[in-house]
């Protein structure tokens, strides 16, 4: 009897020990694929999905809006209207040679072209227009399949140059961007650009497109990061 009681006691103690035993903590070599999953506590920080690798523009704009070629989905919108002046004279957009003449902008002396010059089919030429002590350039484009007089060709682009040395001579304004604007001024007024490009290490340009479907009609603003100013503005209106 004593032996039976002893064996029964040992069996009961063994059963109790097996039920109350703690689970071992698995080490790094344990395969958890078929066992219990480790709970994700979310204690790590996820990195933002930034595609553009440009480091300098990150100081001015939200770089995560741009893809690997520095294009964004930000646009001026189809309702956008140009408001352009040069030395306080209005420049309509789009414009013509006749309209520029009415505003007293004349082709600079010494040019090999005049209003009666013929432009070949699909040819483009760039002419300087003088206004007192300053000037700007206009690109003429003959989009037809035959030669046309300059006076009948479309003006596809106007470029307004700026310089730290000529700020008191040249006065332009393109929808609020003028010859005294800084880089942050451009972004504040026109918003995040549709595209940006590094011409050199410290010289960029911002492109502002009307819409995703039409990247021809745009404003291109050239900026100098070293001196923090707008070095030129181009207004394009291809037809």
C-alpha atoms as a PDB file:
ATOM      1  CA  UNK A   1       0.000   0.000   0.000  1.00  0.00           C
ATOM      2  CA  UNK A   2       2.762   2.383   0.899  1.00  0.00           C
ATOM      3  CA  UNK A   3       4.429   1.763  -2.494  1.00  0.00           C
ATOM      4  CA  UNK A   4       1.161   2.487  -4.349  1.00  0.00           C
ATOM      5  CA  UNK A   5       0.638   5.740  -2.426  1.00  0.00           C
ATOM      6  CA  UNK A   6       4.231   6.770  -3.154  1.00  0.00           C
ATOM      7  CA  UNK A   7       3.856   6.083  -6.904  1.00  0.00           C
ATOM      8  CA  UNK A   8       0.522   7.951  -7.026  1.00  0.00           C
ATOM      9  CA  UNK A   9       2.071  10.984  -5.304  1.00  0.00           C
ATOM     10  CA  UNK A  10       4.995  11.031  -7.764  1.00  0.00           C
ATOM     11  CA  UNK A  11       2.570  10.831 -10.738  1.00  0.00           C
ATOM     12  CA  UNK A  12       0.427  13.715  -9.434  1.00  0.00           C
ATOM     13  CA  UNK A  13       3.481  15.913  -8.842  1.00  0.00           C
ATOM     14  CA  UNK A  14       4.763  15.186 -12.381  1.00  0.00           C
ATOM     15  CA  UNK A  15       1.396  16.184 -13.891  1.00  0.00           C
ATOM     16  CA  UNK A  16       1.260  19.420 -11.883  1.00  0.00           C
ATOM     17  CA  UNK A  17       4.835  20.351 -12.913  1.00  0.00           C
ATOM     18  CA  UNK A  18       4.076  19.815 -16.618  1.00  0.00           C
ATOM     19  CA  UNK A  19       1.007  22.098 -16.452  1.00  0.00           C
ATOM     20  CA  UNK A  20       2.707  24.886 -14.554  1.00  0.00           C
ATOM     21  CA  UNK A  21       5.980  24.929 -16.529  1.00  0.00           C
ATOM     22  CA  UNK A  22       6.829  28.264 -18.228  1.00  0.00           C
ATOM     23  CA  UNK A  23       7.332  28.542 -21.994  1.00  0.00           C
ATOM     24  CA  UNK A  24      10.886  29.089 -23.105  1.00  0.00           C
ATOM     25  CA  UNK A  25      11.672  32.338 -24.938  1.00  0.00           C
ATOM     26  CA  UNK A  26      12.773  31.434 -28.465  1.00  0.00           C
ATOM     27  CA  UNK A  27      16.176  32.608 -29.565  1.00  0.00           C
ATOM     28  CA  UNK A  28      17.019  34.146 -32.944  1.00  0.00           C
ATOM     29  CA  UNK A  29      17.378  30.724 -34.593  1.00  0.00           C
ATOM     30  CA  UNK A  30      13.820  29.586 -33.925  1.00  0.00           C
ATOM     31  CA  UNK A  31      11.534  29.330 -36.969  1.00  0.00           C
ATOM     32  CA  UNK A  32       8.295  31.112 -36.145  1.00  0.00           C
ATOM     33  CA  UNK A  33       6.616  30.397 -39.467  1.00  0.00           C
ATOM     34  CA  UNK A  34       4.479  27.670 -37.976  1.00  0.00           C
ATOM     35  CA  UNK A  35       4.465  28.866 -34.411  1.00  0.00           C
ATOM     36  CA  UNK A  36       3.376  32.021 -32.694  1.00  0.00           C
ATOM     37  CA  UNK A  37       3.935  35.331 -34.573  1.00  0.00           C
ATOM     38  CA  UNK A  38       5.854  38.132 -32.916  1.00  0.00           C
ATOM     39  CA  UNK A  39       3.545  41.099 -32.397  1.00  0.00           C
ATOM     40  CA  UNK A  40       4.436  44.262 -34.389  1.00  0.00           C
ATOM     41  CA  UNK A  41       4.532  47.017 -31.788  1.00  0.00           C
ATOM     42  CA  UNK A  42       5.067  49.764 -34.379  1.00  0.00           C
ATOM     43  CA  UNK A  43       7.917  51.190 -32.350  1.00  0.00           C
ATOM     44  CA  UNK A  44      10.055  51.999 -35.433  1.00  0.00           C
ATOM     45  CA  UNK A  45       9.636  55.109 -37.586  1.00  0.00           C
ATOM     46  CA  UNK A  46       8.772  54.653 -41.262  1.00  0.00           C
ATOM     47  CA  UNK A  47      10.850  56.752 -43.684  1.00  0.00           C
ATOM     48  CA  UNK A  48       8.910  58.981 -46.116  1.00  0.00           C
ATOM     49  CA  UNK A  49       8.710  57.867 -49.738  1.00  0.00           C
ATOM     50  CA  UNK A  50      11.017  60.433 -51.379  1.00  0.00           C
ATOM     51  CA  UNK A  51      11.953  59.739 -54.982  1.00  0.00           C
ATOM     52  CA  UNK A  52      13.786  62.922 -55.983  1.00  0.00           C
ATOM     53  CA  UNK A  53      17.403  62.860 -54.878  1.00  0.00           C
ATOM     54  CA  UNK A  54      17.950  66.615 -55.112  1.00  0.00           C
ATOM     55  CA  UNK A  55      19.311  67.900 -51.810  1.00  0.00           C
ATOM     56  CA  UNK A  56      19.257  71.671 -52.316  1.00  0.00           C
ATOM     57  CA  UNK A  57      15.608  72.009 -53.328  1.00  0.00           C
ATOM     58  CA  UNK A  58      14.613  70.186 -50.144  1.00  0.00           C
ATOM     59  CA  UNK A  59      15.413  73.466 -48.350  1.00  0.00           C
ATOM     60  CA  UNK A  60      12.688  75.276 -50.298  1.00  0.00           C
ATOM     61  CA  UNK A  61       9.940  72.857 -51.328  1.00  0.00           C
ATOM     62  CA  UNK A  62       8.364  69.556 -50.273  1.00  0.00           C
ATOM     63  CA  UNK A  63      10.704  67.249 -52.174  1.00  0.00           C
ATOM     64  CA  UNK A  64       8.451  64.209 -51.631  1.00  0.00           C
ATOM     65  CA  UNK A  65       6.045  65.662 -54.243  1.00  0.00           C
ATOM     66  CA  UNK A  66       8.592  65.065 -57.022  1.00  0.00           C
ATOM     67  CA  UNK A  67       9.503  61.917 -58.947  1.00  0.00           C
ATOM     68  CA  UNK A  68      12.975  60.728 -59.944  1.00  0.00           C
ATOM     69  CA  UNK A  69      13.084  63.252 -62.815  1.00  0.00           C
ATOM     70  CA  UNK A  70      11.900  66.082 -60.537  1.00  0.00           C
ATOM     71  CA  UNK A  71       8.364  66.343 -61.918  1.00  0.00           C
ATOM     72  CA  UNK A  72       5.370  66.891 -59.636  1.00  0.00           C
ATOM     73  CA  UNK A  73       1.600  66.867 -60.114  1.00  0.00           C
ATOM     74  CA  UNK A  74       1.302  70.577 -59.303  1.00  0.00           C
ATOM     75  CA  UNK A  75      -0.052  72.846 -62.072  1.00  0.00           C
ATOM     76  CA  UNK A  76      -1.143  76.436 -62.596  1.00  0.00           C
ATOM     77  CA  UNK A  77      -4.572  75.302 -63.796  1.00  0.00           C
ATOM     78  CA  UNK A  78      -6.488  76.006 -67.001  1.00  0.00           C
ATOM     79  CA  UNK A  79      -7.998  79.183 -65.544  1.00  0.00           C
ATOM     80  CA  UNK A  80      -4.569  80.742 -65.039  1.00  0.00           C
ATOM     81  CA  UNK A  81      -4.123  84.114 -66.764  1.00  0.00           C
ATOM     82  CA  UNK A  82      -0.817  85.821 -67.509  1.00  0.00           C
ATOM     83  CA  UNK A  83      -0.243  89.327 -66.204  1.00  0.00           C
ATOM     84  CA  UNK A  84       3.029  90.636 -67.635  1.00  0.00           C
ATOM     85  CA  UNK A  85       4.648  94.072 -67.708  1.00  0.00           C
ATOM     86  CA  UNK A  86       8.069  95.233 -68.809  1.00  0.00           C
ATOM     87  CA  UNK A  87       9.187  98.699 -67.684  1.00  0.00           C
ATOM     88  CA  UNK A  88       5.548  99.361 -66.771  1.00  0.00           C
ATOM     89  CA  UNK A  89       4.330  98.522 -70.294  1.00  0.00           C
ATOM     90  CA  UNK A  90       1.872  95.666 -70.598  1.00  0.00           C
ATOM     91  CA  UNK A  91       2.780  92.622 -72.699  1.00  0.00           C
ATOM     92  CA  UNK A  92      -0.224  90.569 -73.760  1.00  0.00           C
ATOM     93  CA  UNK A  93       0.119  86.800 -73.693  1.00  0.00           C
ATOM     94  CA  UNK A  94       0.064  85.537 -76.354  1.00  0.00           C
ATOM     95  CA  UNK A  95       1.307  88.542 -78.291  1.00  0.00           C
ATOM     96  CA  UNK A  96       2.281  89.552 -81.817  1.00  0.00           C
ATOM     97  CA  UNK A  97       4.901  91.749 -83.420  1.00  0.00           C
ATOM     98  CA  UNK A  98       2.202  94.310 -84.154  1.00  0.00           C
ATOM     99  CA  UNK A  99       1.168  94.461 -80.487  1.00  0.00           C
ATOM    100  CA  UNK A 100       4.783  94.872 -79.367  1.00  0.00           C
ATOM    101  CA  UNK A 101       5.149  97.780 -81.798  1.00  0.00           C
ATOM    102  CA  UNK A 102       2.025  99.415 -80.327  1.00  0.00           C
ATOM    103  CA  UNK A 103       3.675  99.233 -76.888  1.00  0.00           C
ATOM    104  CA  UNK A 104       6.747 100.949 -78.375  1.00  0.00           C
ATOM    105  CA  UNK A 105       8.937  97.849 -78.246  1.00  0.00           C
ATOM    106  CA  UNK A 106      11.115  97.872 -81.373  1.00  0.00           C
ATOM    107  CA  UNK A 107      13.517  95.348 -82.899  1.00  0.00           C
ATOM    108  CA  UNK A 108      17.019  96.283 -81.804  1.00  0.00           C
ATOM    109  CA  UNK A 109      19.090  98.174 -84.350  1.00  0.00           C
ATOM    110  CA  UNK A 110      21.550  96.107 -86.329  1.00  0.00           C
ATOM    111  CA  UNK A 111      19.367  92.984 -86.436  1.00  0.00           C
ATOM    112  CA  UNK A 112      19.563  90.984 -89.661  1.00  0.00           C
ATOM    113  CA  UNK A 113      15.752  90.626 -89.596  1.00  0.00           C
ATOM    114  CA  UNK A 114      12.917  93.117 -89.841  1.00  0.00           C
ATOM    115  CA  UNK A 115       9.158  92.760 -89.948  1.00  0.00           C
ATOM    116  CA  UNK A 116       9.228  92.083 -93.713  1.00  0.00           C
ATOM    117  CA  UNK A 117      11.913  89.390 -93.552  1.00  0.00           C
ATOM    118  CA  UNK A 118      10.879  85.918 -94.673  1.00  0.00           C
ATOM    119  CA  UNK A 119      11.134  83.014 -92.239  1.00  0.00           C
ATOM    120  CA  UNK A 120      11.402  79.490 -93.624  1.00  0.00           C
ATOM    121  CA  UNK A 121       8.835  76.805 -92.822  1.00  0.00           C
ATOM    122  CA  UNK A 122       9.243  75.363 -89.291  1.00  0.00           C
ATOM    123  CA  UNK A 123      12.070  77.812 -88.603  1.00  0.00           C
ATOM    124  CA  UNK A 124      12.594  79.691 -85.333  1.00  0.00           C
ATOM    125  CA  UNK A 125      14.548  82.910 -84.839  1.00  0.00           C
ATOM    126  CA  UNK A 126      15.264  84.950 -81.711  1.00  0.00           C
ATOM    127  CA  UNK A 127      15.238  88.740 -81.836  1.00  0.00           C
ATOM    128  CA  UNK A 128      16.085  91.415 -79.270  1.00  0.00           C
ATOM    129  CA  UNK A 129      13.583  94.166 -78.565  1.00  0.00           C
ATOM    130  CA  UNK A 130      14.935  97.425 -77.200  1.00  0.00           C
ATOM    131  CA  UNK A 131      13.217  99.602 -74.634  1.00  0.00           C
ATOM    132  CA  UNK A 132      15.330 102.607 -73.638  1.00  0.00           C
ATOM    133  CA  UNK A 133      18.441 101.199 -71.888  1.00  0.00           C
ATOM    134  CA  UNK A 134      17.139  97.630 -71.545  1.00  0.00           C
ATOM    135  CA  UNK A 135      16.025  94.826 -73.833  1.00  0.00           C
ATOM    136  CA  UNK A 136      14.317  91.456 -73.897  1.00  0.00           C
ATOM    137  CA  UNK A 137      14.241  88.644 -76.461  1.00  0.00           C
ATOM    138  CA  UNK A 138      11.349  87.104 -78.364  1.00  0.00           C
ATOM    139  CA  UNK A 139      11.373  83.792 -80.203  1.00  0.00           C
ATOM    140  CA  UNK A 140       9.409  83.744 -83.482  1.00  0.00           C
ATOM    141  CA  UNK A 141       8.187  80.442 -84.898  1.00  0.00           C
ATOM    142  CA  UNK A 142       6.857  79.763 -88.377  1.00  0.00           C
ATOM    143  CA  UNK A 143       4.671  76.735 -87.703  1.00  0.00           C
ATOM    144  CA  UNK A 144       3.383  76.538 -91.291  1.00  0.00           C
ATOM    145  CA  UNK A 145       4.717  74.474 -94.181  1.00  0.00           C
ATOM    146  CA  UNK A 146       5.754  77.475 -96.270  1.00  0.00           C
ATOM    147  CA  UNK A 147       7.822  80.624 -95.800  1.00  0.00           C
ATOM    148  CA  UNK A 148       6.128  83.569 -94.105  1.00  0.00           C
ATOM    149  CA  UNK A 149       6.991  87.144 -93.304  1.00  0.00           C
ATOM    150  CA  UNK A 150       8.200  87.735 -89.753  1.00  0.00           C
ATOM    151  CA  UNK A 151       5.200  89.974 -89.155  1.00  0.00           C
ATOM    152  CA  UNK A 152       2.903  86.956 -89.704  1.00  0.00           C
ATOM    153  CA  UNK A 153       4.796  84.475 -87.522  1.00  0.00           C
ATOM    154  CA  UNK A 154       3.787  83.530 -84.001  1.00  0.00           C
ATOM    155  CA  UNK A 155       5.804  84.742 -81.023  1.00  0.00           C
ATOM    156  CA  UNK A 156       6.275  81.497 -79.092  1.00  0.00           C
ATOM    157  CA  UNK A 157       8.435  82.700 -76.205  1.00  0.00           C
ATOM    158  CA  UNK A 158       9.575  85.878 -74.482  1.00  0.00           C
ATOM    159  CA  UNK A 159      12.614  85.925 -72.210  1.00  0.00           C
ATOM    160  CA  UNK A 160      13.070  88.678 -69.642  1.00  0.00           C
ATOM    161  CA  UNK A 161      16.664  88.849 -68.436  1.00  0.00           C
ATOM    162  CA  UNK A 162      17.694  90.018 -64.985  1.00  0.00           C
ATOM    163  CA  UNK A 163      21.040  90.818 -63.399  1.00  0.00           C
ATOM    164  CA  UNK A 164      22.247  92.052 -60.055  1.00  0.00           C
ATOM    165  CA  UNK A 165      23.917  94.878 -62.000  1.00  0.00           C
ATOM    166  CA  UNK A 166      20.814  95.906 -63.983  1.00  0.00           C
ATOM    167  CA  UNK A 167      18.063  95.760 -61.391  1.00  0.00           C
ATOM    168  CA  UNK A 168      17.664  99.552 -61.517  1.00  0.00           C
ATOM    169  CA  UNK A 169      17.329  99.480 -65.318  1.00  0.00           C
ATOM    170  CA  UNK A 170      15.171  96.429 -66.025  1.00  0.00           C
ATOM    171  CA  UNK A 171      11.745  96.283 -64.415  1.00  0.00           C
ATOM    172  CA  UNK A 172       9.598  93.264 -65.233  1.00  0.00           C
ATOM    173  CA  UNK A 173       6.643  91.674 -63.502  1.00  0.00           C
ATOM    174  CA  UNK A 174       5.190  88.274 -64.371  1.00  0.00           C
ATOM    175  CA  UNK A 175       2.154  87.558 -62.196  1.00  0.00           C
ATOM    176  CA  UNK A 176       3.915  89.048 -59.184  1.00  0.00           C
ATOM    177  CA  UNK A 177       7.428  87.744 -59.933  1.00  0.00           C
ATOM    178  CA  UNK A 178       9.689  90.734 -60.544  1.00  0.00           C
ATOM    179  CA  UNK A 179      13.379  91.585 -60.831  1.00  0.00           C
ATOM    180  CA  UNK A 180      13.705  91.813 -57.012  1.00  0.00           C
ATOM    181  CA  UNK A 181      12.046  88.472 -56.189  1.00  0.00           C
ATOM    182  CA  UNK A 182      13.860  85.843 -54.145  1.00  0.00           C
ATOM    183  CA  UNK A 183      13.582  82.072 -54.473  1.00  0.00           C
ATOM    184  CA  UNK A 184      11.017  81.842 -51.673  1.00  0.00           C
ATOM    185  CA  UNK A 185       9.055  84.709 -53.258  1.00  0.00           C
ATOM    186  CA  UNK A 186       8.657  82.665 -56.429  1.00  0.00           C
ATOM    187  CA  UNK A 187       7.328  79.649 -54.526  1.00  0.00           C
ATOM    188  CA  UNK A 188       5.035  81.785 -52.363  1.00  0.00           C
ATOM    189  CA  UNK A 189       3.509  83.533 -55.398  1.00  0.00           C
ATOM    190  CA  UNK A 190       3.320  80.726 -57.971  1.00  0.00           C
ATOM    191  CA  UNK A 191       3.337  77.730 -55.630  1.00  0.00           C
ATOM    192  CA  UNK A 192       5.175  74.433 -55.938  1.00  0.00           C
ATOM    193  CA  UNK A 193       6.646  74.111 -59.458  1.00  0.00           C
ATOM    194  CA  UNK A 194       5.566  71.416 -61.885  1.00  0.00           C
ATOM    195  CA  UNK A 195       9.219  70.637 -62.557  1.00  0.00           C
ATOM    196  CA  UNK A 196      12.664  71.835 -61.559  1.00  0.00           C
ATOM    197  CA  UNK A 197      16.085  71.347 -63.075  1.00  0.00           C
ATOM    198  CA  UNK A 198      19.647  72.034 -61.929  1.00  0.00           C
ATOM    199  CA  UNK A 199      21.432  73.888 -64.743  1.00  0.00           C
ATOM    200  CA  UNK A 200      24.570  74.142 -62.609  1.00  0.00           C
ATOM    201  CA  UNK A 201      25.267  73.439 -58.954  1.00  0.00           C
ATOM    202  CA  UNK A 202      23.657  76.677 -57.734  1.00  0.00           C
ATOM    203  CA  UNK A 203      21.536  77.683 -60.729  1.00  0.00           C
ATOM    204  CA  UNK A 204      18.130  76.092 -61.260  1.00  0.00           C
ATOM    205  CA  UNK A 205      14.968  76.745 -63.171  1.00  0.00           C
ATOM    206  CA  UNK A 206      11.368  76.154 -62.128  1.00  0.00           C
ATOM    207  CA  UNK A 207       8.778  75.142 -64.734  1.00  0.00           C
ATOM    208  CA  UNK A 208       5.121  75.950 -64.154  1.00  0.00           C
ATOM    209  CA  UNK A 209       2.797  74.020 -66.474  1.00  0.00           C
ATOM    210  CA  UNK A 210      -0.830  74.838 -67.145  1.00  0.00           C
ATOM    211  CA  UNK A 211      -1.912  71.201 -66.817  1.00  0.00           C
ATOM    212  CA  UNK A 212      -0.590  67.665 -67.071  1.00  0.00           C
ATOM    213  CA  UNK A 213      -1.973  67.439 -70.614  1.00  0.00           C
ATOM    214  CA  UNK A 214      -0.329  70.687 -71.767  1.00  0.00           C
ATOM    215  CA  UNK A 215       3.285  71.261 -70.783  1.00  0.00           C
ATOM    216  CA  UNK A 216       3.884  73.806 -73.569  1.00  0.00           C
ATOM    217  CA  UNK A 217       2.155  76.847 -72.075  1.00  0.00           C
ATOM    218  CA  UNK A 218       4.270  77.659 -69.058  1.00  0.00           C
ATOM    219  CA  UNK A 219       6.391  80.029 -67.055  1.00  0.00           C
ATOM    220  CA  UNK A 220      10.045  79.135 -66.563  1.00  0.00           C
ATOM    221  CA  UNK A 221      11.809  80.965 -63.746  1.00  0.00           C
ATOM    222  CA  UNK A 222      15.613  80.843 -63.572  1.00  0.00           C
ATOM    223  CA  UNK A 223      16.969  81.222 -60.050  1.00  0.00           C
ATOM    224  CA  UNK A 224      20.405  81.879 -58.602  1.00  0.00           C
ATOM    225  CA  UNK A 225      20.701  80.135 -55.224  1.00  0.00           C
ATOM    226  CA  UNK A 226      24.006  81.794 -54.359  1.00  0.00           C
ATOM    227  CA  UNK A 227      22.628  85.340 -54.667  1.00  0.00           C
ATOM    228  CA  UNK A 228      18.998  84.333 -53.951  1.00  0.00           C
ATOM    229  CA  UNK A 229      17.403  86.120 -56.876  1.00  0.00           C
ATOM    230  CA  UNK A 230      15.565  85.533 -60.163  1.00  0.00           C
ATOM    231  CA  UNK A 231      18.031  85.688 -63.060  1.00  0.00           C
ATOM    232  CA  UNK A 232      15.462  85.396 -65.871  1.00  0.00           C
ATOM    233  CA  UNK A 233      11.836  84.596 -66.628  1.00  0.00           C
ATOM    234  CA  UNK A 234      10.578  82.916 -69.796  1.00  0.00           C
ATOM    235  CA  UNK A 235       6.942  83.017 -70.880  1.00  0.00           C
ATOM    236  CA  UNK A 236       6.041  80.352 -73.445  1.00  0.00           C
ATOM    237  CA  UNK A 237       2.870  80.182 -75.509  1.00  0.00           C
ATOM    238  CA  UNK A 238       3.344  77.755 -78.367  1.00  0.00           C
ATOM    239  CA  UNK A 239       0.350  77.266 -80.660  1.00  0.00           C
END
